[in-house]
Amino acid sequence: MLSCNKCYLLMSINFFSKRILKLLSISLTITFTLFEINTINKQIKAEKNLIAASEKDLFLYRQMGASYLCIASKAEVDFKKGLGIASATFANVIIGKHGGAIRELGDEKLDEKKLYNAGTFQIVGSALNICPESIPNNIKNDYEKRLKQLVKKSKK
């Protein structure tokens, strides 16, 4: 009889353990679901609160990129790699902080590739003012050629 009592006790513990685990898993599932919904709502609200980058913002990001490029060039980092990193950072900051929006462009949001290309051009232009000796001649020539094209295009 003693062994039957042990069996009953073990069965009841096993039954209650399964029941407790089931309740625990249900409560954890509900908690994580609510947490995910709350996180999604916060992301949506955050996206709505993004403010387009102003000229002041763009100037700051451009100067930071140019400063990085100058320092990297003087540290003998490959110029194209340094420019790529500076341009990617420029694009990522505008996307992350401003949702790809630039005040001067109105409601249009730029994708990463367009921001990368614009950043590359602007960073080189600023770096030519900060550390012209660090910019390779072919890059200087390409920049000046592109700048002339943009000036011509804006006059039309």
Protein backbone atom coordinates (compact mmCIF):
# COMPACT_ATOMS: atom_id res chain seq x y z
CA MET A 1 0.00 0.00 0.00
CA LEU A 2 2.85 2.29 0.69
CA SER A 3 4.05 1.92 -2.86
CA CYS A 4 0.57 2.86 -4.22
CA ASN A 5 0.63 6.04 -2.18
CA LYS A 6 3.99 6.86 -3.72
CA CYS A 7 2.57 6.19 -7.18
CA TYR A 8 -0.39 8.45 -6.50
CA LEU A 9 1.89 11.14 -5.13
CA LEU A 10 4.22 10.90 -8.13
CA MET A 11 1.27 10.99 -10.56
CA SER A 12 -0.22 14.02 -8.86
CA ILE A 13 3.14 15.83 -8.83
CA ASN A 14 3.64 14.94 -12.48
CA PHE A 15 0.10 16.13 -13.31
CA PHE A 16 0.56 19.39 -11.40
CA SER A 17 4.02 19.94 -12.92
CA LYS A 18 2.61 19.61 -16.42
CA ARG A 19 -0.26 21.92 -15.53
CA ILE A 20 2.09 24.52 -14.03
CA LEU A 21 4.38 24.32 -17.06
CA LYS A 22 1.40 24.76 -19.36
CA LEU A 23 0.18 27.82 -17.45
CA LEU A 24 3.68 29.21 -17.38
CA SER A 25 4.16 28.75 -21.11
CA ILE A 26 0.78 30.37 -21.85
CA SER A 27 1.58 33.37 -19.66
CA LEU A 28 5.05 33.74 -21.23
CA THR A 29 3.56 33.51 -24.72
CA ILE A 30 1.03 36.22 -23.91
CA THR A 31 3.73 38.42 -22.36
CA PHE A 32 6.05 38.11 -25.36
CA THR A 33 3.18 38.69 -27.78
CA LEU A 34 2.19 41.87 -25.98
CA PHE A 35 5.84 42.96 -25.85
CA GLU A 36 6.21 42.46 -29.62
CA ILE A 37 3.00 44.38 -30.33
CA ASN A 38 4.20 47.21 -28.11
CA THR A 39 7.59 47.23 -29.86
CA ILE A 40 5.94 47.37 -33.29
CA ASN A 41 3.72 50.25 -32.14
CA LYS A 42 6.76 52.13 -30.84
CA GLN A 43 8.54 51.65 -34.17
CA ILE A 44 5.53 52.93 -36.08
CA LYS A 45 5.27 55.96 -33.79
CA ALA A 46 9.02 56.57 -34.09
CA GLU A 47 8.79 56.51 -37.89
CA LYS A 48 6.03 59.10 -37.75
CA ASN A 49 8.15 61.37 -35.54
CA LEU A 50 11.13 61.45 -37.91
CA ILE A 51 12.06 64.95 -38.97
CA ALA A 52 13.57 65.57 -42.40
CA ALA A 53 17.26 66.47 -42.40
CA SER A 54 17.85 70.19 -42.51
CA GLU A 55 20.73 71.91 -44.29
CA LYS A 56 22.39 72.22 -40.87
CA ASP A 57 22.07 68.44 -40.35
CA LEU A 58 23.47 67.70 -43.81
CA PHE A 59 26.37 70.09 -43.22
CA LEU A 60 27.23 68.26 -39.98
CA TYR A 61 27.06 64.79 -41.55
CA ARG A 62 29.04 65.94 -44.60
CA GLN A 63 31.76 67.53 -42.44
CA MET A 64 32.00 64.42 -40.26
CA GLY A 65 32.41 62.29 -43.37
CA ALA A 66 35.06 64.62 -44.79
CA SER A 67 36.91 64.67 -41.48
CA TYR A 68 36.88 60.87 -41.37
CA LEU A 69 38.11 60.71 -44.97
CA CYS A 70 40.99 63.10 -44.25
CA ILE A 71 42.04 61.23 -41.12
CA ALA A 72 41.78 57.86 -42.88
CA SER A 73 43.84 59.12 -45.84
CA LYS A 74 46.57 60.42 -43.55
CA ALA A 75 46.55 57.06 -41.75
CA GLU A 76 47.23 55.46 -45.15
CA VAL A 77 43.84 53.75 -45.37
CA ASP A 78 42.93 52.99 -48.98
CA PHE A 79 41.15 56.12 -50.26
CA LYS A 80 38.23 54.30 -51.89
CA LYS A 81 37.61 52.24 -48.74
CA GLY A 82 37.70 55.35 -46.55
CA LEU A 83 35.35 57.20 -48.90
CA GLY A 84 33.03 54.19 -49.03
CA ILE A 85 32.82 54.01 -45.24
CA ALA A 86 32.26 57.77 -44.91
CA SER A 87 29.54 57.71 -47.61
CA ALA A 88 27.80 54.66 -46.13
CA THR A 89 27.79 56.31 -42.71
CA PHE A 90 26.35 59.51 -44.23
CA ALA A 91 23.54 57.52 -45.87
CA ASN A 92 22.85 55.37 -42.79
CA VAL A 93 22.56 58.36 -40.47
CA ILE A 94 20.09 60.11 -42.76
CA ILE A 95 18.01 56.95 -43.11
CA GLY A 96 18.15 56.10 -39.41
CA LYS A 97 17.60 59.54 -37.98
CA HIS A 98 15.51 61.18 -40.72
CA GLY A 99 13.91 58.25 -42.55
CA GLY A 100 15.75 59.20 -45.75
CA ALA A 101 13.94 62.56 -45.90
CA ILE A 102 15.70 65.84 -46.65
CA ARG A 103 13.80 69.05 -45.98
CA GLU A 104 14.81 70.70 -49.27
CA LEU A 105 13.32 67.79 -51.24
CA GLY A 106 9.90 67.98 -49.62
CA ASP A 107 8.08 64.68 -49.08
CA GLU A 108 10.46 62.64 -51.23
CA LYS A 109 12.49 60.06 -49.30
CA LEU A 110 15.79 58.96 -50.76
CA ASP A 111 16.91 55.37 -50.68
CA GLU A 112 20.29 54.24 -49.40
CA LYS A 113 21.92 54.15 -52.84
CA LYS A 114 20.93 57.74 -53.70
CA LEU A 115 22.05 58.98 -50.30
CA TYR A 116 25.32 57.08 -50.65
CA ASN A 117 26.03 58.68 -54.03
CA ALA A 118 25.04 62.15 -52.83
CA GLY A 119 27.15 61.66 -49.72
CA THR A 120 30.15 60.61 -51.76
CA PHE A 121 29.95 63.75 -53.87
CA GLN A 122 29.41 66.07 -50.90
CA ILE A 123 32.08 64.46 -48.73
CA VAL A 124 34.68 64.76 -51.49
CA GLY A 125 33.74 68.42 -51.94
CA SER A 126 34.18 69.12 -48.24
CA ALA A 127 37.38 67.09 -48.04
CA LEU A 128 38.82 69.20 -50.87
CA ASN A 129 38.45 72.20 -48.54
CA ILE A 130 39.80 70.44 -45.45
CA CYS A 131 42.64 68.30 -46.81
CA PRO A 132 43.09 68.81 -50.57
CA GLU A 133 46.48 67.09 -50.46
CA SER A 134 44.79 63.84 -49.38
CA ILE A 135 42.45 63.65 -52.38
CA PRO A 136 43.81 61.77 -55.42
CA ASN A 137 43.99 63.83 -58.63
CA ASN A 138 41.56 61.60 -60.54
CA ILE A 139 38.97 62.07 -57.77
CA LYS A 140 39.52 65.85 -57.81
CA ASN A 141 39.06 65.90 -61.59
CA ASP A 142 35.91 63.76 -61.45
CA TYR A 143 34.48 65.99 -58.74
CA GLU A 144 35.16 69.21 -60.65
CA LYS A 145 33.70 67.73 -63.84
CA ARG A 146 30.53 66.62 -62.04
CA LEU A 147 30.24 69.98 -60.27
CA LYS A 148 30.36 71.82 -63.60
CA GLN A 149 27.64 69.54 -64.96
CA LEU A 150 25.42 70.24 -61.94
CA VAL A 151 25.96 74.00 -62.20
CA LYS A 152 25.11 73.90 -65.92
CA LYS A 153 22.01 71.81 -65.23
CA SER A 154 20.79 74.14 -62.47
CA LYS A 155 21.03 77.19 -64.79
CA LYS A 156 18.59 75.63 -67.24
